[in-house]
Amino acid sequence: MYNDRGNGYNSRPGGFNRPGGFNRDDRNRASSHTITAEPLPEDYVKRAEEAIAELERIENQDKRKVVITTSKLRSLFSLFTETFNEVTRGDQKKLDKDQLNDLNVARVRIYYEIGREDRYNGYMDSAPVGRFVQQSGLLAYLGDIGDSCDKLKQFYHYMEALVAFHRYYFGEKKDRS
């Protein structure tokens, strides 16, 4: 059932057909990489610009490494809009059970979007969405929100900054499907 010819259902690089199976020491490997929650820096606008500028540098260095499209970025951004709007309309200090669930669904959706890309080969930086998530620290910052409404608001504004800098650095002319 498992083979080394790379033509089975388990033929992704680094899968079970690779000698030794999954390499837990390979930190870039999505299947073995654990994202550790980390707080969003206070100067998150600067961090957003640095992340998008790095994506531009990577693309300029290798034209095969295209960036995330505006529509895909806005799709990820929209995962947080409803919860953000609920929090800003209310006077709550902590996220409720449904809002926490929405954030968990968003986290799963981000992983799904990374995995469904054509260029994805099991490495976070192998395709545009994964590269974006890695450079922006999106999952690490999302993991730090916990049940804090203030952290959710800050995270949402960080996402807004990422969208804005993406538009500034890449504009419409570089959008790809």
N, C-alpha and C. Protein backbone atom coordinates (compact mmCIF):
# COMPACT_ATOMS: atom_id res chain seq x y z
N MET A 1 0.82 -1.18 0.00
CA MET A 1 0.00 0.00 0.00
C MET A 1 0.87 1.25 0.00
N TYR A 2 1.87 1.32 0.85
CA TYR A 2 2.78 2.45 0.87
C TYR A 2 3.96 2.12 -0.03
N ASN A 3 4.40 3.11 -0.80
CA ASN A 3 5.51 2.85 -1.70
C ASN A 3 6.44 4.04 -1.78
N ASP A 4 7.58 3.85 -2.42
CA ASP A 4 8.56 4.93 -2.58
C ASP A 4 8.52 5.53 -3.96
N ARG A 5 7.54 5.17 -4.78
CA ARG A 5 7.47 5.70 -6.15
C ARG A 5 6.75 7.03 -6.22
N GLY A 6 6.14 7.45 -5.14
CA GLY A 6 5.47 8.75 -5.12
C GLY A 6 4.21 8.79 -5.94
N ASN A 7 3.55 7.66 -6.15
CA ASN A 7 2.34 7.67 -6.96
C ASN A 7 1.11 7.17 -6.20
N GLY A 8 1.21 7.01 -4.91
CA GLY A 8 0.07 6.55 -4.13
C GLY A 8 -0.67 7.72 -3.51
N TYR A 9 -1.69 7.42 -2.74
CA TYR A 9 -2.44 8.50 -2.11
C TYR A 9 -1.62 9.19 -1.04
N ASN A 10 -0.54 8.59 -0.65
CA ASN A 10 0.30 9.13 0.40
C ASN A 10 1.63 9.63 -0.16
N SER A 11 1.58 10.27 -1.32
CA SER A 11 2.82 10.57 -2.03
C SER A 11 3.34 11.99 -1.82
N ARG A 12 2.73 12.77 -0.96
CA ARG A 12 3.26 14.10 -0.71
C ARG A 12 4.66 14.01 -0.14
N PRO A 13 5.54 14.96 -0.50
CA PRO A 13 6.89 14.92 0.06
C PRO A 13 6.85 14.89 1.58
N GLY A 14 7.61 14.01 2.16
CA GLY A 14 7.68 13.92 3.61
C GLY A 14 6.59 13.09 4.22
N GLY A 15 5.77 12.44 3.41
CA GLY A 15 4.70 11.61 3.94
C GLY A 15 5.25 10.30 4.46
N PHE A 16 4.37 9.33 4.65
CA PHE A 16 4.80 8.06 5.19
C PHE A 16 5.72 7.30 4.23
N ASN A 17 5.66 7.65 2.93
CA ASN A 17 6.50 6.94 1.98
C ASN A 17 7.95 7.43 2.01
N ARG A 18 8.23 8.46 2.74
CA ARG A 18 9.59 8.97 2.87
C ARG A 18 10.30 8.13 3.93
N PRO A 19 11.54 7.74 3.67
CA PRO A 19 12.25 6.96 4.68
C PRO A 19 12.23 7.67 6.03
N GLY A 20 11.81 6.94 7.03
CA GLY A 20 11.76 7.53 8.36
C GLY A 20 10.45 8.21 8.68
N GLY A 21 9.54 8.31 7.71
CA GLY A 21 8.24 8.94 7.95
C GLY A 21 8.39 10.44 8.16
N PHE A 22 7.51 11.01 8.95
CA PHE A 22 7.53 12.45 9.20
C PHE A 22 8.74 12.83 10.04
N ASN A 23 9.39 13.89 9.66
CA ASN A 23 10.57 14.38 10.36
C ASN A 23 10.12 15.47 11.33
N ARG A 24 10.06 15.16 12.59
CA ARG A 24 9.59 16.10 13.60
C ARG A 24 10.57 17.24 13.84
N ASP A 25 11.79 17.15 13.34
CA ASP A 25 12.76 18.21 13.53
C ASP A 25 12.70 19.28 12.45
N ASP A 26 11.96 19.04 11.38
CA ASP A 26 11.87 19.98 10.29
C ASP A 26 10.83 21.05 10.66
N ARG A 27 11.28 22.21 11.10
CA ARG A 27 10.38 23.24 11.64
C ARG A 27 9.52 23.92 10.58
N ASN A 28 9.85 23.80 9.31
CA ASN A 28 9.06 24.43 8.27
C ASN A 28 7.94 23.52 7.78
N ARG A 29 7.98 22.27 8.13
CA ARG A 29 7.00 21.29 7.68
C ARG A 29 5.67 21.56 8.37
N ALA A 30 4.65 21.82 7.59
CA ALA A 30 3.35 22.18 8.16
C ALA A 30 2.78 21.08 9.03
N SER A 31 2.97 19.83 8.65
CA SER A 31 2.37 18.74 9.42
C SER A 31 3.04 18.54 10.77
N SER A 32 4.27 19.01 10.92
CA SER A 32 4.94 18.82 12.20
C SER A 32 5.19 20.14 12.92
N HIS A 33 4.78 21.23 12.31
CA HIS A 33 5.03 22.54 12.88
C HIS A 33 3.90 22.93 13.82
N THR A 34 4.22 23.15 15.05
CA THR A 34 3.25 23.61 16.02
C THR A 34 3.37 25.12 16.13
N ILE A 35 2.27 25.80 15.92
CA ILE A 35 2.25 27.25 16.03
C ILE A 35 2.08 27.61 17.49
N THR A 36 2.99 28.38 18.02
CA THR A 36 2.92 28.82 19.40
C THR A 36 2.28 30.20 19.45
N ALA A 37 1.31 30.36 20.32
CA ALA A 37 0.65 31.65 20.47
C ALA A 37 1.66 32.69 20.94
N GLU A 38 1.58 33.87 20.33
CA GLU A 38 2.42 34.97 20.79
C GLU A 38 1.63 36.26 20.69
N PRO A 39 1.90 37.19 21.60
CA PRO A 39 1.13 38.43 21.60
C PRO A 39 1.47 39.30 20.40
N LEU A 40 0.47 39.95 19.90
CA LEU A 40 0.64 40.90 18.81
C LEU A 40 1.41 42.11 19.34
N PRO A 41 2.45 42.54 18.64
CA PRO A 41 3.21 43.69 19.14
C PRO A 41 2.35 44.96 19.19
N GLU A 42 2.70 45.85 20.09
CA GLU A 42 1.96 47.11 20.18
C GLU A 42 2.07 47.91 18.90
N ASP A 43 3.21 47.81 18.22
CA ASP A 43 3.39 48.51 16.95
C ASP A 43 3.00 47.59 15.79
N TYR A 44 1.77 47.04 15.88
CA TYR A 44 1.30 46.07 14.91
C TYR A 44 1.20 46.63 13.49
N VAL A 45 1.03 47.94 13.34
CA VAL A 45 0.99 48.52 12.01
C VAL A 45 2.36 48.38 11.34
N LYS A 46 3.41 48.65 12.10
CA LYS A 46 4.77 48.47 11.58
C LYS A 46 5.01 47.00 11.25
N ARG A 47 4.54 46.11 12.12
CA ARG A 47 4.71 44.66 11.89
C ARG A 47 3.99 44.23 10.63
N ALA A 48 2.80 44.78 10.38
CA ALA A 48 2.03 44.45 9.17
C ALA A 48 2.79 44.90 7.93
N GLU A 49 3.33 46.11 7.96
CA GLU A 49 4.08 46.60 6.80
C GLU A 49 5.33 45.75 6.55
N GLU A 50 6.02 45.38 7.61
CA GLU A 50 7.21 44.53 7.46
C GLU A 50 6.86 43.18 6.84
N ALA A 51 5.74 42.60 7.25
CA ALA A 51 5.33 41.30 6.72
C ALA A 51 5.03 41.38 5.23
N ILE A 52 4.30 42.41 4.82
CA ILE A 52 3.95 42.55 3.41
C ILE A 52 5.19 42.93 2.59
N ALA A 53 6.04 43.77 3.13
CA ALA A 53 7.28 44.13 2.43
C ALA A 53 8.16 42.90 2.23
N GLU A 54 8.19 42.00 3.19
CA GLU A 54 8.96 40.76 3.06
C GLU A 54 8.38 39.87 1.97
N LEU A 55 7.06 39.82 1.87
CA LEU A 55 6.44 39.05 0.79
C LEU A 55 6.81 39.64 -0.56
N GLU A 56 6.86 40.96 -0.64
CA GLU A 56 7.27 41.61 -1.90
C GLU A 56 8.72 41.24 -2.23
N ARG A 57 9.58 41.25 -1.23
CA ARG A 57 10.98 40.90 -1.44
C ARG A 57 11.11 39.45 -1.93
N ILE A 58 10.35 38.55 -1.31
CA ILE A 58 10.39 37.14 -1.70
C ILE A 58 9.93 36.98 -3.14
N GLU A 59 8.84 37.65 -3.51
CA GLU A 59 8.34 37.54 -4.88
C GLU A 59 9.33 38.14 -5.88
N ASN A 60 9.92 39.28 -5.54
CA ASN A 60 10.88 39.90 -6.45
C ASN A 60 12.12 39.03 -6.63
N GLN A 61 12.47 38.31 -5.61
CA GLN A 61 13.64 37.43 -5.66
C GLN A 61 13.36 36.19 -6.51
N ASP A 62 12.14 35.68 -6.46
CA ASP A 62 11.78 34.48 -7.21
C ASP A 62 10.34 34.64 -7.70
N LYS A 63 10.17 34.92 -8.98
CA LYS A 63 8.85 35.20 -9.56
C LYS A 63 7.90 34.01 -9.46
N ARG A 64 8.41 32.81 -9.20
CA ARG A 64 7.54 31.65 -9.04
C ARG A 64 6.84 31.69 -7.68
N LYS A 65 7.37 32.45 -6.75
CA LYS A 65 6.77 32.56 -5.41
C LYS A 65 5.83 33.76 -5.37
N VAL A 66 4.66 33.57 -5.95
CA VAL A 66 3.69 34.66 -6.01
C VAL A 66 3.09 34.90 -4.64
N VAL A 67 2.50 36.08 -4.48
CA VAL A 67 1.91 36.45 -3.20
C VAL A 67 0.43 36.10 -3.16
N ILE A 68 -0.10 36.17 -1.97
CA ILE A 68 -1.53 35.94 -1.77
C ILE A 68 -2.32 36.98 -2.56
N THR A 69 -3.42 36.57 -3.14
CA THR A 69 -4.23 37.51 -3.90
C THR A 69 -5.04 38.40 -2.95
N THR A 70 -5.45 39.54 -3.47
CA THR A 70 -6.28 40.45 -2.69
C THR A 70 -7.58 39.75 -2.28
N SER A 71 -8.19 39.03 -3.20
CA SER A 71 -9.47 38.38 -2.88
C SER A 71 -9.29 37.31 -1.79
N LYS A 72 -8.19 36.55 -1.83
CA LYS A 72 -7.96 35.54 -0.80
C LYS A 72 -7.68 36.22 0.55
N LEU A 73 -6.91 37.29 0.53
CA LEU A 73 -6.61 38.02 1.76
C LEU A 73 -7.88 38.60 2.37
N ARG A 74 -8.72 39.17 1.53
CA ARG A 74 -9.97 39.74 2.03
C ARG A 74 -10.91 38.63 2.53
N SER A 75 -10.83 37.46 1.92
CA SER A 75 -11.62 36.32 2.38
C SER A 75 -11.19 35.90 3.79
N LEU A 76 -9.88 35.87 4.04
CA LEU A 76 -9.39 35.55 5.38
C LEU A 76 -9.80 36.65 6.37
N PHE A 77 -9.69 37.89 5.95
CA PHE A 77 -10.07 39.02 6.79
C PHE A 77 -11.54 38.93 7.19
N SER A 78 -12.38 38.53 6.25
CA SER A 78 -13.82 38.47 6.51
C SER A 78 -14.19 37.42 7.55
N LEU A 79 -13.28 36.47 7.81
CA LEU A 79 -13.56 35.46 8.83
C LEU A 79 -13.75 36.06 10.22
N PHE A 80 -13.23 37.26 10.42
CA PHE A 80 -13.25 37.88 11.74
C PHE A 80 -14.21 39.06 11.85
N THR A 81 -14.80 39.47 10.73
CA THR A 81 -15.62 40.68 10.71
C THR A 81 -16.86 40.59 11.59
N GLU A 82 -17.60 39.52 11.49
CA GLU A 82 -18.84 39.41 12.26
C GLU A 82 -18.56 39.42 13.76
N THR A 83 -17.56 38.65 14.18
CA THR A 83 -17.23 38.61 15.61
C THR A 83 -16.74 39.97 16.08
N PHE A 84 -15.92 40.63 15.27
CA PHE A 84 -15.44 41.97 15.61
C PHE A 84 -16.62 42.93 15.77
N ASN A 85 -17.55 42.89 14.82
CA ASN A 85 -18.72 43.78 14.89
C ASN A 85 -19.56 43.52 16.13
N GLU A 86 -19.75 42.26 16.50
CA GLU A 86 -20.50 41.93 17.71
C GLU A 86 -19.82 42.51 18.95
N VAL A 87 -18.51 42.38 19.00
CA VAL A 87 -17.75 42.85 20.16
C VAL A 87 -17.78 44.37 20.25
N THR A 88 -17.65 45.06 19.13
CA THR A 88 -17.61 46.53 19.17
C THR A 88 -18.99 47.13 19.44
N ARG A 89 -20.05 46.42 19.09
CA ARG A 89 -21.40 46.93 19.38
C ARG A 89 -21.78 46.74 20.84
N GLY A 90 -21.19 45.77 21.48
CA GLY A 90 -21.54 45.48 22.87
C GLY A 90 -20.54 46.10 23.83
N ASP A 91 -20.75 45.82 25.10
CA ASP A 91 -19.84 46.35 26.13
C ASP A 91 -19.16 45.22 26.89
N GLN A 92 -19.08 44.06 26.25
CA GLN A 92 -18.49 42.89 26.91
C GLN A 92 -16.97 43.02 27.00
N LYS A 93 -16.42 42.39 28.00
CA LYS A 93 -14.96 42.38 28.22
C LYS A 93 -14.34 41.08 27.74
N LYS A 94 -15.15 40.02 27.74
CA LYS A 94 -14.65 38.70 27.33
C LYS A 94 -15.53 38.14 26.22
N LEU A 95 -14.91 37.39 25.34
CA LEU A 95 -15.65 36.74 24.26
C LEU A 95 -16.53 35.64 24.83
N ASP A 96 -17.73 35.51 24.29
CA ASP A 96 -18.62 34.44 24.76
C ASP A 96 -18.29 33.13 24.03
N LYS A 97 -18.99 32.08 24.39
CA LYS A 97 -18.72 30.75 23.86
C LYS A 97 -18.85 30.70 22.33
N ASP A 98 -19.89 31.34 21.79
CA ASP A 98 -20.10 31.34 20.34
C ASP A 98 -19.00 32.10 19.62
N GLN A 99 -18.56 33.21 20.20
CA GLN A 99 -17.49 33.99 19.59
C GLN A 99 -16.16 33.24 19.61
N LEU A 100 -15.90 32.54 20.71
CA LEU A 100 -14.69 31.70 20.78
C LEU A 100 -14.75 30.58 19.74
N ASN A 101 -15.93 30.03 19.57
CA ASN A 101 -16.11 28.99 18.55
C ASN A 101 -15.85 29.56 17.15
N ASP A 102 -16.32 30.78 16.90
CA ASP A 102 -16.08 31.42 15.61
C ASP A 102 -14.59 31.59 15.34
N LEU A 103 -13.83 31.93 16.36
CA LEU A 103 -12.37 32.07 16.19
C LEU A 103 -11.73 30.72 15.90
N ASN A 104 -12.21 29.66 16.55
CA ASN A 104 -11.69 28.32 16.26
C ASN A 104 -12.02 27.88 14.84
N VAL A 105 -13.22 28.20 14.39
CA VAL A 105 -13.61 27.89 13.01
C VAL A 105 -12.71 28.67 12.04
N ALA A 106 -12.42 29.92 12.36
CA ALA A 106 -11.55 30.73 11.51
C ALA A 106 -10.15 30.12 11.43
N ARG A 107 -9.64 29.65 12.55
CA ARG A 107 -8.31 29.02 12.57
C ARG A 107 -8.28 27.79 11.67
N VAL A 108 -9.32 26.96 11.77
CA VAL A 108 -9.41 25.77 10.92
C VAL A 108 -9.51 26.18 9.45
N ARG A 109 -10.27 27.21 9.17
CA ARG A 109 -10.43 27.67 7.78
C ARG A 109 -9.09 28.17 7.20
N ILE A 110 -8.28 28.80 8.02
CA ILE A 110 -6.97 29.26 7.56
C ILE A 110 -6.11 28.05 7.17
N TYR A 111 -6.09 27.03 8.01
CA TYR A 111 -5.33 25.82 7.66
C TYR A 111 -5.89 25.18 6.39
N TYR A 112 -7.18 25.16 6.25
CA TYR A 112 -7.80 24.60 5.04
C TYR A 112 -7.35 25.37 3.80
N GLU A 113 -7.37 26.69 3.89
CA GLU A 113 -6.96 27.51 2.74
C GLU A 113 -5.50 27.29 2.38
N ILE A 114 -4.66 27.06 3.37
CA ILE A 114 -3.25 26.76 3.11
C ILE A 114 -3.15 25.42 2.37
N GLY A 115 -3.83 24.41 2.85
CA GLY A 115 -3.74 23.07 2.30
C GLY A 115 -4.37 22.89 0.94
N ARG A 116 -5.31 23.73 0.57
CA ARG A 116 -6.01 23.52 -0.70
C ARG A 116 -5.32 24.17 -1.89
N GLU A 117 -4.25 24.90 -1.66
CA GLU A 117 -3.55 25.55 -2.77
C GLU A 117 -2.85 24.54 -3.67
N ASP A 118 -2.84 24.83 -4.96
CA ASP A 118 -2.19 23.95 -5.93
C ASP A 118 -0.71 23.76 -5.65
N ARG A 119 -0.04 24.81 -5.24
CA ARG A 119 1.41 24.74 -5.04
C ARG A 119 1.80 24.16 -3.67
N TYR A 120 0.83 23.94 -2.81
CA TYR A 120 1.12 23.44 -1.47
C TYR A 120 1.70 22.04 -1.54
N ASN A 121 2.83 21.84 -0.88
CA ASN A 121 3.48 20.53 -0.89
C ASN A 121 3.81 20.05 0.52
N GLY A 122 3.10 20.56 1.49
CA GLY A 122 3.33 20.14 2.87
C GLY A 122 4.17 21.11 3.66
N TYR A 123 4.71 22.12 3.00
CA TYR A 123 5.53 23.12 3.68
C TYR A 123 4.77 24.44 3.72
N MET A 124 4.78 25.08 4.88
CA MET A 124 4.01 26.30 5.08
C MET A 124 4.34 27.36 4.02
N ASP A 125 5.61 27.48 3.65
CA ASP A 125 6.00 28.56 2.73
C ASP A 125 6.00 28.12 1.27
N SER A 126 5.37 27.00 0.93
CA SER A 126 5.41 26.50 -0.44
C SER A 126 4.36 27.13 -1.35
N ALA A 127 3.41 27.83 -0.81
CA ALA A 127 2.33 28.42 -1.60
C ALA A 127 1.95 29.78 -1.00
N PRO A 128 1.27 30.61 -1.78
CA PRO A 128 1.00 31.99 -1.35
C PRO A 128 0.30 32.17 0.00
N VAL A 129 -0.76 31.42 0.27
CA VAL A 129 -1.49 31.61 1.53
C VAL A 129 -0.61 31.22 2.71
N GLY A 130 0.05 30.10 2.60
CA GLY A 130 0.94 29.65 3.68
C GLY A 130 2.07 30.63 3.93
N ARG A 131 2.64 31.14 2.84
CA ARG A 131 3.72 32.14 2.98
C ARG A 131 3.20 33.38 3.69
N PHE A 132 2.00 33.80 3.31
CA PHE A 132 1.40 34.96 3.97
C PHE A 132 1.18 34.70 5.45
N VAL A 133 0.59 33.56 5.78
CA VAL A 133 0.31 33.22 7.17
C VAL A 133 1.61 33.15 7.97
N GLN A 134 2.64 32.57 7.36
CA GLN A 134 3.93 32.46 8.04
C GLN A 134 4.56 33.83 8.26
N GLN A 135 4.61 34.65 7.20
CA GLN A 135 5.25 35.97 7.32
C GLN A 135 4.50 36.91 8.26
N SER A 136 3.18 36.81 8.25
CA SER A 136 2.38 37.73 9.07
C SER A 136 2.25 37.26 10.51
N GLY A 137 2.54 36.00 10.79
CA GLY A 137 2.36 35.47 12.14
C GLY A 137 0.90 35.32 12.51
N LEU A 138 0.05 35.24 11.51
CA LEU A 138 -1.39 35.27 11.70
C LEU A 138 -1.89 34.24 12.72
N LEU A 139 -1.47 32.99 12.58
CA LEU A 139 -1.96 31.96 13.49
C LEU A 139 -1.41 32.12 14.90
N ALA A 140 -0.18 32.59 15.01
CA ALA A 140 0.40 32.82 16.34
C ALA A 140 -0.35 33.93 17.07
N TYR A 141 -0.65 35.02 16.37
CA TYR A 141 -1.37 36.13 16.98
C TYR A 141 -2.82 35.76 17.27
N LEU A 142 -3.42 34.98 16.37
CA LEU A 142 -4.79 34.51 16.59
C LEU A 142 -4.86 33.64 17.84
N GLY A 143 -3.85 32.82 18.05
CA GLY A 143 -3.81 31.94 19.20
C GLY A 143 -3.68 32.67 20.53
N ASP A 144 -3.19 33.91 20.49
CA ASP A 144 -3.00 34.67 21.72
C ASP A 144 -4.25 35.44 22.15
N ILE A 145 -5.26 35.50 21.31
CA ILE A 145 -6.45 36.28 21.63
C ILE A 145 -7.14 35.75 22.89
N GLY A 146 -7.19 34.42 23.00
CA GLY A 146 -7.89 33.83 24.15
C GLY A 146 -9.34 34.27 24.16
N ASP A 147 -9.80 34.80 25.30
CA ASP A 147 -11.18 35.29 25.38
C ASP A 147 -11.24 36.81 25.53
N SER A 148 -10.15 37.48 25.18
CA SER A 148 -10.05 38.92 25.34
C SER A 148 -10.65 39.69 24.16
N CYS A 149 -11.64 40.51 24.45
CA CYS A 149 -12.23 41.35 23.42
C CYS A 149 -11.23 42.39 22.92
N ASP A 150 -10.42 42.94 23.82
CA ASP A 150 -9.42 43.93 23.42
C ASP A 150 -8.39 43.33 22.45
N LYS A 151 -7.96 42.11 22.72
CA LYS A 151 -6.99 41.46 21.83
C LYS A 151 -7.62 41.14 20.48
N LEU A 152 -8.90 40.78 20.48
CA LEU A 152 -9.59 40.54 19.21
C LEU A 152 -9.64 41.83 18.39
N LYS A 153 -9.97 42.93 19.02
CA LYS A 153 -10.03 44.21 18.32
C LYS A 153 -8.67 44.57 17.73
N GLN A 154 -7.63 44.40 18.52
CA GLN A 154 -6.28 44.70 18.04
C GLN A 154 -5.91 43.78 16.87
N PHE A 155 -6.23 42.50 16.98
CA PHE A 155 -5.97 41.54 15.91
C PHE A 155 -6.71 41.95 14.64
N TYR A 156 -7.95 42.36 14.77
CA TYR A 156 -8.75 42.79 13.63
C TYR A 156 -8.10 44.00 12.94
N HIS A 157 -7.63 44.94 13.73
CA HIS A 157 -6.97 46.11 13.16
C HIS A 157 -5.65 45.73 12.49
N TYR A 158 -4.98 44.73 13.03
CA TYR A 158 -3.78 44.19 12.38
C TYR A 158 -4.13 43.62 11.01
N MET A 159 -5.22 42.87 10.94
CA MET A 159 -5.67 42.33 9.65
C MET A 159 -6.00 43.45 8.67
N GLU A 160 -6.64 44.51 9.17
CA GLU A 160 -6.92 45.67 8.32
C GLU A 160 -5.63 46.26 7.77
N ALA A 161 -4.62 46.35 8.62
CA ALA A 161 -3.33 46.90 8.19
C ALA A 161 -2.67 46.00 7.14
N LEU A 162 -2.78 44.69 7.31
CA LEU A 162 -2.23 43.77 6.31
C LEU A 162 -2.91 43.96 4.96
N VAL A 163 -4.23 44.09 4.96
CA VAL A 163 -4.97 44.32 3.72
C VAL A 163 -4.53 45.64 3.09
N ALA A 164 -4.40 46.67 3.90
CA ALA A 164 -4.02 47.98 3.37
C ALA A 164 -2.61 47.97 2.78
N PHE A 165 -1.65 47.38 3.49
CA PHE A 165 -0.29 47.34 2.97
C PHE A 165 -0.18 46.42 1.76
N HIS A 166 -0.96 45.36 1.73
CA HIS A 166 -0.97 44.50 0.55
C HIS A 166 -1.43 45.31 -0.66
N ARG A 167 -2.46 46.07 -0.48
CA ARG A 167 -2.98 46.91 -1.57
C ARG A 167 -1.93 47.93 -2.00
N TYR A 168 -1.24 48.53 -1.04
CA TYR A 168 -0.22 49.53 -1.33
C TYR A 168 0.97 48.91 -2.07
N TYR A 169 1.47 47.79 -1.58
CA TYR A 169 2.67 47.17 -2.17
C TYR A 169 2.39 46.44 -3.48
N PHE A 170 1.20 45.84 -3.59
CA PHE A 170 0.94 45.00 -4.75
C PHE A 170 -0.14 45.54 -5.68
N GLY A 171 -1.07 46.30 -5.17
CA GLY A 171 -2.11 46.87 -6.02
C GLY A 171 -2.86 45.82 -6.80
N GLU A 172 -3.72 46.26 -7.69
CA GLU A 172 -4.52 45.34 -8.50
C GLU A 172 -3.72 44.67 -9.59
N LYS A 173 -2.75 45.35 -10.15
CA LYS A 173 -2.01 44.82 -11.30
C LYS A 173 -1.30 43.51 -11.01
N LYS A 174 -0.99 43.25 -9.74
CA LYS A 174 -0.27 42.02 -9.40
C LYS A 174 -1.20 40.93 -8.90
N ASP A 175 -2.52 41.21 -8.86
CA ASP A 175 -3.46 40.20 -8.37
C ASP A 175 -3.49 39.02 -9.34
N ARG A 176 -3.48 37.82 -8.77
CA ARG A 176 -3.51 36.59 -9.57
C ARG A 176 -4.60 35.69 -9.00
N SER A 177 -5.06 34.76 -9.80
CA SER A 177 -6.04 33.81 -9.26
C SER A 177 -5.40 32.50 -8.90
